[in-house]
Amino acid sequence: TSTAPSTGSSTVTTDGAAASTTACGANESVPAAPAAPA
């Protein structure tokens, strides 16, 4: 729980590893848009 994942992923494993779910992905290469005026 130390950091957020950089991309959305869903993993189901059958070899004893934990699975994970996320519906929402991330794209760190896309620059942040400038904040609009309030």
PDB file of all heavy atoms in Angstrom:
ATOM      1  N   THR A   1       0.812  -1.206   0.000  1.00  0.00           N
ATOM      2  CA  THR A   1       0.000   0.000   0.000  1.00  0.00           C
ATOM      3  C   THR A   1       0.845   1.256   0.000  1.00  0.00           C
ATOM      4  O   THR A   1       0.352   2.336   0.284  1.00  0.00           O
ATOM      5  CB  THR A   1      -0.928   0.023   1.227  1.00  0.00           C
ATOM      6  OG1 THR A   1      -0.121  -0.036   2.408  1.00  0.00           O
ATOM      7  CG2 THR A   1      -1.899  -1.126   1.203  1.00  0.00           C
ATOM      8  N   SER A   2       2.114   1.118  -0.356  1.00  0.00           N
ATOM      9  CA  SER A   2       2.989   2.278  -0.263  1.00  0.00           C
ATOM     10  C   SER A   2       2.830   3.241  -1.417  1.00  0.00           C
ATOM     11  O   SER A   2       2.994   4.436  -1.251  1.00  0.00           O
ATOM     12  CB  SER A   2       4.437   1.809  -0.181  1.00  0.00           C
ATOM     13  OG  SER A   2       4.780   1.051  -1.324  1.00  0.00           O
ATOM     14  N   THR A   3       2.518   2.745  -2.620  1.00  0.00           N
ATOM     15  CA  THR A   3       2.383   3.626  -3.763  1.00  0.00           C
ATOM     16  C   THR A   3       1.202   3.217  -4.608  1.00  0.00           C
ATOM     17  O   THR A   3       0.749   2.086  -4.575  1.00  0.00           O
ATOM     18  CB  THR A   3       3.638   3.570  -4.645  1.00  0.00           C
ATOM     19  OG1 THR A   3       3.827   2.222  -5.092  1.00  0.00           O
ATOM     20  CG2 THR A   3       4.873   4.035  -3.881  1.00  0.00           C
ATOM     21  N   ALA A   4       0.721   4.156  -5.405  1.00  0.00           N
ATOM     22  CA  ALA A   4      -0.356   3.850  -6.332  1.00  0.00           C
ATOM     23  C   ALA A   4       0.220   3.251  -7.606  1.00  0.00           C
ATOM     24  O   ALA A   4       1.281   3.635  -8.063  1.00  0.00           O
ATOM     25  CB  ALA A   4      -1.121   5.122  -6.674  1.00  0.00           C
ATOM     26  N   PRO A   5      -0.476   2.281  -8.213  1.00  0.00           N
ATOM     27  CA  PRO A   5       0.006   1.710  -9.465  1.00  0.00           C
ATOM     28  C   PRO A   5      -0.066   2.733 -10.583  1.00  0.00           C
ATOM     29  O   PRO A   5      -0.916   3.596 -10.584  1.00  0.00           O
ATOM     30  CB  PRO A   5      -0.966   0.544  -9.713  1.00  0.00           C
ATOM     31  CG  PRO A   5      -2.199   0.920  -8.968  1.00  0.00           C
ATOM     32  CD  PRO A   5      -1.725   1.700  -7.770  1.00  0.00           C
ATOM     33  N   SER A   6       0.819   2.616 -11.565  1.00  0.00           N
ATOM     34  CA  SER A   6       0.844   3.606 -12.627  1.00  0.00           C
ATOM     35  C   SER A   6      -0.100   3.280 -13.757  1.00  0.00           C
ATOM     36  O   SER A   6      -0.409   4.123 -14.566  1.00  0.00           O
ATOM     37  CB  SER A   6       2.262   3.730 -13.195  1.00  0.00           C
ATOM     38  OG  SER A   6       2.685   2.485 -13.725  1.00  0.00           O
ATOM     39  N   THR A   7      -0.585   2.044 -13.812  1.00  0.00           N
ATOM     40  CA  THR A   7      -1.543   1.695 -14.842  1.00  0.00           C
ATOM     41  C   THR A   7      -2.633   0.839 -14.251  1.00  0.00           C
ATOM     42  O   THR A   7      -2.427   0.121 -13.294  1.00  0.00           O
ATOM     43  CB  THR A   7      -0.890   0.898 -15.991  1.00  0.00           C
ATOM     44  OG1 THR A   7      -0.309  -0.283 -15.460  1.00  0.00           O
ATOM     45  CG2 THR A   7       0.168   1.720 -16.702  1.00  0.00           C
ATOM     46  N   GLY A   8      -3.820   0.883 -14.850  1.00  0.00           N
ATOM     47  CA  GLY A   8      -4.908   0.049 -14.392  1.00  0.00           C
ATOM     48  C   GLY A   8      -4.665  -1.374 -14.832  1.00  0.00           C
ATOM     49  O   GLY A   8      -4.229  -1.638 -15.937  1.00  0.00           O
ATOM     50  N   SER A   9      -4.984  -2.324 -13.949  1.00  0.00           N
ATOM     51  CA  SER A   9      -4.782  -3.719 -14.318  1.00  0.00           C
ATOM     52  C   SER A   9      -5.668  -4.611 -13.499  1.00  0.00           C
ATOM     53  O   SER A   9      -6.041  -4.298 -12.392  1.00  0.00           O
ATOM     54  CB  SER A   9      -3.327  -4.135 -14.100  1.00  0.00           C
ATOM     55  OG  SER A   9      -3.016  -4.096 -12.739  1.00  0.00           O
ATOM     56  N   SER A  10      -6.007  -5.739 -14.083  1.00  0.00           N
ATOM     57  CA  SER A  10      -6.737  -6.764 -13.357  1.00  0.00           C
ATOM     58  C   SER A  10      -5.992  -8.061 -13.545  1.00  0.00           C
ATOM     59  O   SER A  10      -5.769  -8.485 -14.666  1.00  0.00           O
ATOM     60  CB  SER A  10      -8.151  -6.896 -13.904  1.00  0.00           C
ATOM     61  OG  SER A  10      -8.808  -7.965 -13.297  1.00  0.00           O
ATOM     62  N   THR A  11      -5.591  -8.683 -12.476  1.00  0.00           N
ATOM     63  CA  THR A  11      -4.784  -9.890 -12.574  1.00  0.00           C
ATOM     64  C   THR A  11      -5.442 -11.007 -11.793  1.00  0.00           C
ATOM     65  O   THR A  11      -5.781 -10.830 -10.637  1.00  0.00           O
ATOM     66  CB  THR A  11      -3.372  -9.648 -12.007  1.00  0.00           C
ATOM     67  OG1 THR A  11      -2.786  -8.555 -12.701  1.00  0.00           O
ATOM     68  CG2 THR A  11      -2.509 -10.889 -12.178  1.00  0.00           C
ATOM     69  N   VAL A  12      -5.629 -12.118 -12.426  1.00  0.00           N
ATOM     70  CA  VAL A  12      -6.133 -13.299 -11.741  1.00  0.00           C
ATOM     71  C   VAL A  12      -5.076 -14.375 -11.872  1.00  0.00           C
ATOM     72  O   VAL A  12      -4.695 -14.746 -12.976  1.00  0.00           O
ATOM     73  CB  VAL A  12      -7.451 -13.790 -12.354  1.00  0.00           C
ATOM     74  CG1 VAL A  12      -7.930 -15.022 -11.610  1.00  0.00           C
ATOM     75  CG2 VAL A  12      -8.503 -12.699 -12.292  1.00  0.00           C
ATOM     76  N   THR A  13      -4.572 -14.862 -10.767  1.00  0.00           N
ATOM     77  CA  THR A  13      -3.542 -15.886 -10.811  1.00  0.00           C
ATOM     78  C   THR A  13      -4.059 -17.148 -10.167  1.00  0.00           C
ATOM     79  O   THR A  13      -4.895 -17.122  -9.284  1.00  0.00           O
ATOM     80  CB  THR A  13      -2.285 -15.420 -10.077  1.00  0.00           C
ATOM     81  OG1 THR A  13      -2.618 -15.162  -8.721  1.00  0.00           O
ATOM     82  CG2 THR A  13      -1.724 -14.155 -10.700  1.00  0.00           C
ATOM     83  N   THR A  14      -3.544 -18.256 -10.631  1.00  0.00           N
ATOM     84  CA  THR A  14      -3.970 -19.552 -10.085  1.00  0.00           C
ATOM     85  C   THR A  14      -2.812 -20.274  -9.418  1.00  0.00           C
ATOM     86  O   THR A  14      -2.924 -21.450  -9.112  1.00  0.00           O
ATOM     87  CB  THR A  14      -4.541 -20.428 -11.215  1.00  0.00           C
ATOM     88  OG1 THR A  14      -3.558 -20.547 -12.251  1.00  0.00           O
ATOM     89  CG2 THR A  14      -5.800 -19.815 -11.789  1.00  0.00           C
ATOM     90  N   ASP A  15      -1.706 -19.571  -9.199  1.00  0.00           N
ATOM     91  CA  ASP A  15      -0.535 -20.223  -8.608  1.00  0.00           C
ATOM     92  C   ASP A  15      -0.292 -19.764  -7.177  1.00  0.00           C
ATOM     93  O   ASP A  15       0.811 -19.841  -6.671  1.00  0.00           O
ATOM     94  CB  ASP A  15       0.701 -19.952  -9.464  1.00  0.00           C
ATOM     95  CG  ASP A  15       0.985 -18.458  -9.600  1.00  0.00           C
ATOM     96  OD1 ASP A  15       0.195 -17.664  -9.060  1.00  0.00           O
ATOM     97  OD2 ASP A  15       2.004 -18.111 -10.233  1.00  0.00           O
ATOM     98  N   GLY A  16      -1.317 -19.259  -6.518  1.00  0.00           N
ATOM     99  CA  GLY A  16      -1.181 -18.870  -5.124  1.00  0.00           C
ATOM    100  C   GLY A  16      -0.967 -17.389  -4.927  1.00  0.00           C
ATOM    101  O   GLY A  16      -1.044 -16.893  -3.816  1.00  0.00           O
ATOM    102  N   ALA A  17      -0.703 -16.652  -5.980  1.00  0.00           N
ATOM    103  CA  ALA A  17      -0.511 -15.211  -5.847  1.00  0.00           C
ATOM    104  C   ALA A  17      -1.843 -14.513  -5.723  1.00  0.00           C
ATOM    105  O   ALA A  17      -2.858 -15.000  -6.194  1.00  0.00           O
ATOM    106  CB  ALA A  17       0.251 -14.679  -7.057  1.00  0.00           C
ATOM    107  N   ALA A  18      -1.813 -13.348  -5.089  1.00  0.00           N
ATOM    108  CA  ALA A  18      -3.054 -12.594  -4.925  1.00  0.00           C
ATOM    109  C   ALA A  18      -3.466 -11.969  -6.236  1.00  0.00           C
ATOM    110  O   ALA A  18      -2.639 -11.600  -7.060  1.00  0.00           O
ATOM    111  CB  ALA A  18      -2.869 -11.505  -3.869  1.00  0.00           C
ATOM    112  N   ALA A  19      -4.763 -11.856  -6.441  1.00  0.00           N
ATOM    113  CA  ALA A  19      -5.278 -11.165  -7.614  1.00  0.00           C
ATOM    114  C   ALA A  19      -5.545  -9.716  -7.253  1.00  0.00           C
ATOM    115  O   ALA A  19      -5.658  -9.368  -6.092  1.00  0.00           O
ATOM    116  CB  ALA A  19      -6.563 -11.833  -8.098  1.00  0.00           C
ATOM    117  N   SER A  20      -5.654  -8.890  -8.269  1.00  0.00           N
ATOM    118  CA  SER A  20      -5.962  -7.489  -8.007  1.00  0.00           C
ATOM    119  C   SER A  20      -6.994  -6.994  -8.997  1.00  0.00           C
ATOM    120  O   SER A  20      -7.127  -7.533 -10.089  1.00  0.00           O
ATOM    121  CB  SER A  20      -4.704  -6.627  -8.090  1.00  0.00           C
ATOM    122  OG  SER A  20      -4.196  -6.628  -9.405  1.00  0.00           O
ATOM    123  N   THR A  21      -7.733  -5.982  -8.586  1.00  0.00           N
ATOM    124  CA  THR A  21      -8.730  -5.399  -9.474  1.00  0.00           C
ATOM    125  C   THR A  21      -8.591  -3.901  -9.486  1.00  0.00           C
ATOM    126  O   THR A  21      -8.311  -3.270  -8.483  1.00  0.00           O
ATOM    127  CB  THR A  21     -10.166  -5.726  -9.014  1.00  0.00           C
ATOM    128  OG1 THR A  21     -10.405  -5.095  -7.761  1.00  0.00           O
ATOM    129  CG2 THR A  21     -10.395  -7.205  -8.894  1.00  0.00           C
ATOM    130  N   THR A  22      -8.778  -3.338 -10.658  1.00  0.00           N
ATOM    131  CA  THR A  22      -8.905  -1.892 -10.778  1.00  0.00           C
ATOM    132  C   THR A  22      -9.728  -1.600 -12.011  1.00  0.00           C
ATOM    133  O   THR A  22      -9.563  -2.244 -13.027  1.00  0.00           O
ATOM    134  CB  THR A  22      -7.552  -1.180 -10.859  1.00  0.00           C
ATOM    135  OG1 THR A  22      -7.776   0.218 -10.948  1.00  0.00           O
ATOM    136  CG2 THR A  22      -6.751  -1.614 -12.063  1.00  0.00           C
ATOM    137  N   ALA A  23     -10.617  -0.664 -11.909  1.00  0.00           N
ATOM    138  CA  ALA A  23     -11.425  -0.295 -13.051  1.00  0.00           C
ATOM    139  C   ALA A  23     -10.866   0.933 -13.725  1.00  0.00           C
ATOM    140  O   ALA A  23     -11.305   1.307 -14.787  1.00  0.00           O
ATOM    141  CB  ALA A  23     -12.860  -0.036 -12.601  1.00  0.00           C
ATOM    142  N   CYS A  24      -9.911   1.584 -13.108  1.00  0.00           N
ATOM    143  CA  CYS A  24      -9.484   2.896 -13.535  1.00  0.00           C
ATOM    144  C   CYS A  24      -7.991   2.889 -13.784  1.00  0.00           C
ATOM    145  O   CYS A  24      -7.230   2.555 -12.894  1.00  0.00           O
ATOM    146  CB  CYS A  24      -9.825   3.871 -12.420  1.00  0.00           C
ATOM    147  SG  CYS A  24     -10.288   5.475 -12.978  1.00  0.00           S
ATOM    148  N   GLY A  25      -7.547   3.243 -14.974  1.00  0.00           N
ATOM    149  CA  GLY A  25      -6.133   3.193 -15.284  1.00  0.00           C
ATOM    150  C   GLY A  25      -5.476   4.547 -15.211  1.00  0.00           C
ATOM    151  O   GLY A  25      -6.125   5.572 -15.097  1.00  0.00           O
ATOM    152  N   ALA A  26      -4.148   4.544 -15.318  1.00  0.00           N
ATOM    153  CA  ALA A  26      -3.389   5.784 -15.283  1.00  0.00           C
ATOM    154  C   ALA A  26      -2.465   5.838 -16.473  1.00  0.00           C
ATOM    155  O   ALA A  26      -1.970   4.825 -16.922  1.00  0.00           O
ATOM    156  CB  ALA A  26      -2.578   5.857 -14.003  1.00  0.00           C
ATOM    157  N   ASN A  27      -2.212   7.026 -16.981  1.00  0.00           N
ATOM    158  CA  ASN A  27      -1.255   7.209 -18.051  1.00  0.00           C
ATOM    159  C   ASN A  27      -0.330   8.333 -17.662  1.00  0.00           C
ATOM    160  O   ASN A  27      -0.636   9.501 -17.853  1.00  0.00           O
ATOM    161  CB  ASN A  27      -1.976   7.522 -19.365  1.00  0.00           C
ATOM    162  CG  ASN A  27      -1.025   7.536 -20.540  1.00  0.00           C
ATOM    163  OD1 ASN A  27       0.189   7.666 -20.369  1.00  0.00           O
ATOM    164  ND2 ASN A  27      -1.557   7.384 -21.739  1.00  0.00           N
ATOM    165  N   GLU A  28       0.809   7.963 -17.066  1.00  0.00           N
ATOM    166  CA  GLU A  28       1.698   8.974 -16.522  1.00  0.00           C
ATOM    167  C   GLU A  28       2.383   9.799 -17.602  1.00  0.00           C
ATOM    168  O   GLU A  28       2.948  10.841 -17.330  1.00  0.00           O
ATOM    169  CB  GLU A  28       2.763   8.304 -15.643  1.00  0.00           C
ATOM    170  CG  GLU A  28       2.194   7.562 -14.446  1.00  0.00           C
ATOM    171  CD  GLU A  28       1.542   8.478 -13.442  1.00  0.00           C
ATOM    172  OE1 GLU A  28       1.699   9.703 -13.545  1.00  0.00           O
ATOM    173  OE2 GLU A  28       0.868   7.964 -12.543  1.00  0.00           O
ATOM    174  N   SER A  29       2.359   9.339 -18.860  1.00  0.00           N
ATOM    175  CA  SER A  29       3.050  10.071 -19.909  1.00  0.00           C
ATOM    176  C   SER A  29       2.252  11.256 -20.425  1.00  0.00           C
ATOM    177  O   SER A  29       2.768  12.094 -21.146  1.00  0.00           O
ATOM    178  CB  SER A  29       3.367   9.133 -21.083  1.00  0.00           C
ATOM    179  OG  SER A  29       2.171   8.679 -21.686  1.00  0.00           O
ATOM    180  N   VAL A  30       0.977  11.306 -20.081  1.00  0.00           N
ATOM    181  CA  VAL A  30       0.140  12.413 -20.533  1.00  0.00           C
ATOM    182  C   VAL A  30       0.324  13.596 -19.599  1.00  0.00           C
ATOM    183  O   VAL A  30       0.097  13.486 -18.402  1.00  0.00           O
ATOM    184  CB  VAL A  30      -1.350  11.994 -20.562  1.00  0.00           C
ATOM    185  CG1 VAL A  30      -2.211  13.170 -20.980  1.00  0.00           C
ATOM    186  CG2 VAL A  30      -1.537  10.821 -21.501  1.00  0.00           C
ATOM    187  N   PRO A  31       0.742  14.751 -20.108  1.00  0.00           N
ATOM    188  CA  PRO A  31       0.980  15.899 -19.225  1.00  0.00           C
ATOM    189  C   PRO A  31      -0.310  16.421 -18.622  1.00  0.00           C
ATOM    190  O   PRO A  31      -1.376  16.317 -19.220  1.00  0.00           O
ATOM    191  CB  PRO A  31       1.606  16.936 -20.161  1.00  0.00           C
ATOM    192  CG  PRO A  31       1.101  16.568 -21.527  1.00  0.00           C
ATOM    193  CD  PRO A  31       1.000  15.074 -21.519  1.00  0.00           C
ATOM    194  N   ALA A  32      -0.191  16.981 -17.438  1.00  0.00           N
ATOM    195  CA  ALA A  32      -1.352  17.546 -16.770  1.00  0.00           C
ATOM    196  C   ALA A  32      -1.825  18.784 -17.511  1.00  0.00           C
ATOM    197  O   ALA A  32      -1.038  19.616 -17.932  1.00  0.00           O
ATOM    198  CB  ALA A  32      -0.997  17.909 -15.335  1.00  0.00           C
ATOM    199  N   ALA A  33      -3.140  18.891 -17.668  1.00  0.00           N
ATOM    200  CA  ALA A  33      -3.704  20.087 -18.281  1.00  0.00           C
ATOM    201  C   ALA A  33      -3.656  21.230 -17.278  1.00  0.00           C
ATOM    202  O   ALA A  33      -3.748  21.019 -16.077  1.00  0.00           O
ATOM    203  CB  ALA A  33      -5.154  19.812 -18.692  1.00  0.00           C
ATOM    204  N   PRO A  34      -3.497  22.462 -17.753  1.00  0.00           N
ATOM    205  CA  PRO A  34      -3.481  23.590 -16.815  1.00  0.00           C
ATOM    206  C   PRO A  34      -4.815  23.742 -16.112  1.00  0.00           C
ATOM    207  O   PRO A  34      -5.865  23.487 -16.696  1.00  0.00           O
ATOM    208  CB  PRO A  34      -3.186  24.791 -17.717  1.00  0.00           C
ATOM    209  CG  PRO A  34      -3.618  24.349 -19.086  1.00  0.00           C
ATOM    210  CD  PRO A  34      -3.343  22.884 -19.146  1.00  0.00           C
ATOM    211  N   ALA A  35      -4.769  24.119 -14.866  1.00  0.00           N
ATOM    212  CA  ALA A  35      -6.001  24.290 -14.103  1.00  0.00           C
ATOM    213  C   ALA A  35      -6.813  25.438 -14.675  1.00  0.00           C
ATOM    214  O   ALA A  35      -6.281  26.494 -15.028  1.00  0.00           O
ATOM    215  CB  ALA A  35      -5.668  24.564 -12.642  1.00  0.00           C
ATOM    216  N   ALA A  36      -8.133  25.234 -14.781  1.00  0.00           N
ATOM    217  CA  ALA A  36      -9.015  26.290 -15.278  1.00  0.00           C
ATOM    218  C   ALA A  36      -9.312  27.275 -14.159  1.00  0.00           C
ATOM    219  O   ALA A  36      -9.213  26.941 -12.980  1.00  0.00           O
ATOM    220  CB  ALA A  36     -10.310  25.667 -15.797  1.00  0.00           C
ATOM    221  N   PRO A  37      -9.687  28.500 -14.515  1.00  0.00           N
ATOM    222  CA  PRO A  37     -10.065  29.463 -13.470  1.00  0.00           C
ATOM    223  C   PRO A  37     -11.244  28.952 -12.651  1.00  0.00           C
ATOM    224  O   PRO A  37     -12.108  28.249 -13.174  1.00  0.00           O
ATOM    225  CB  PRO A  37     -10.452  30.710 -14.279  1.00  0.00           C
ATOM    226  CG  PRO A  37      -9.813  30.520 -15.614  1.00  0.00           C
ATOM    227  CD  PRO A  37      -9.775  29.042 -15.853  1.00  0.00           C
ATOM    228  N   ALA A  38     -11.268  29.289 -11.407  1.00  0.00           N
ATOM    229  CA  ALA A  38     -12.361  28.843 -10.545  1.00  0.00           C
ATOM    230  C   ALA A  38     -13.661  29.498 -10.977  1.00  0.00           C
ATOM    231  O   ALA A  38     -13.734  30.705 -11.159  1.00  0.00           O
ATOM    232  CB  ALA A  38     -12.063  29.195  -9.099  1.00  0.00           C
TER     233      ALA A  38
END
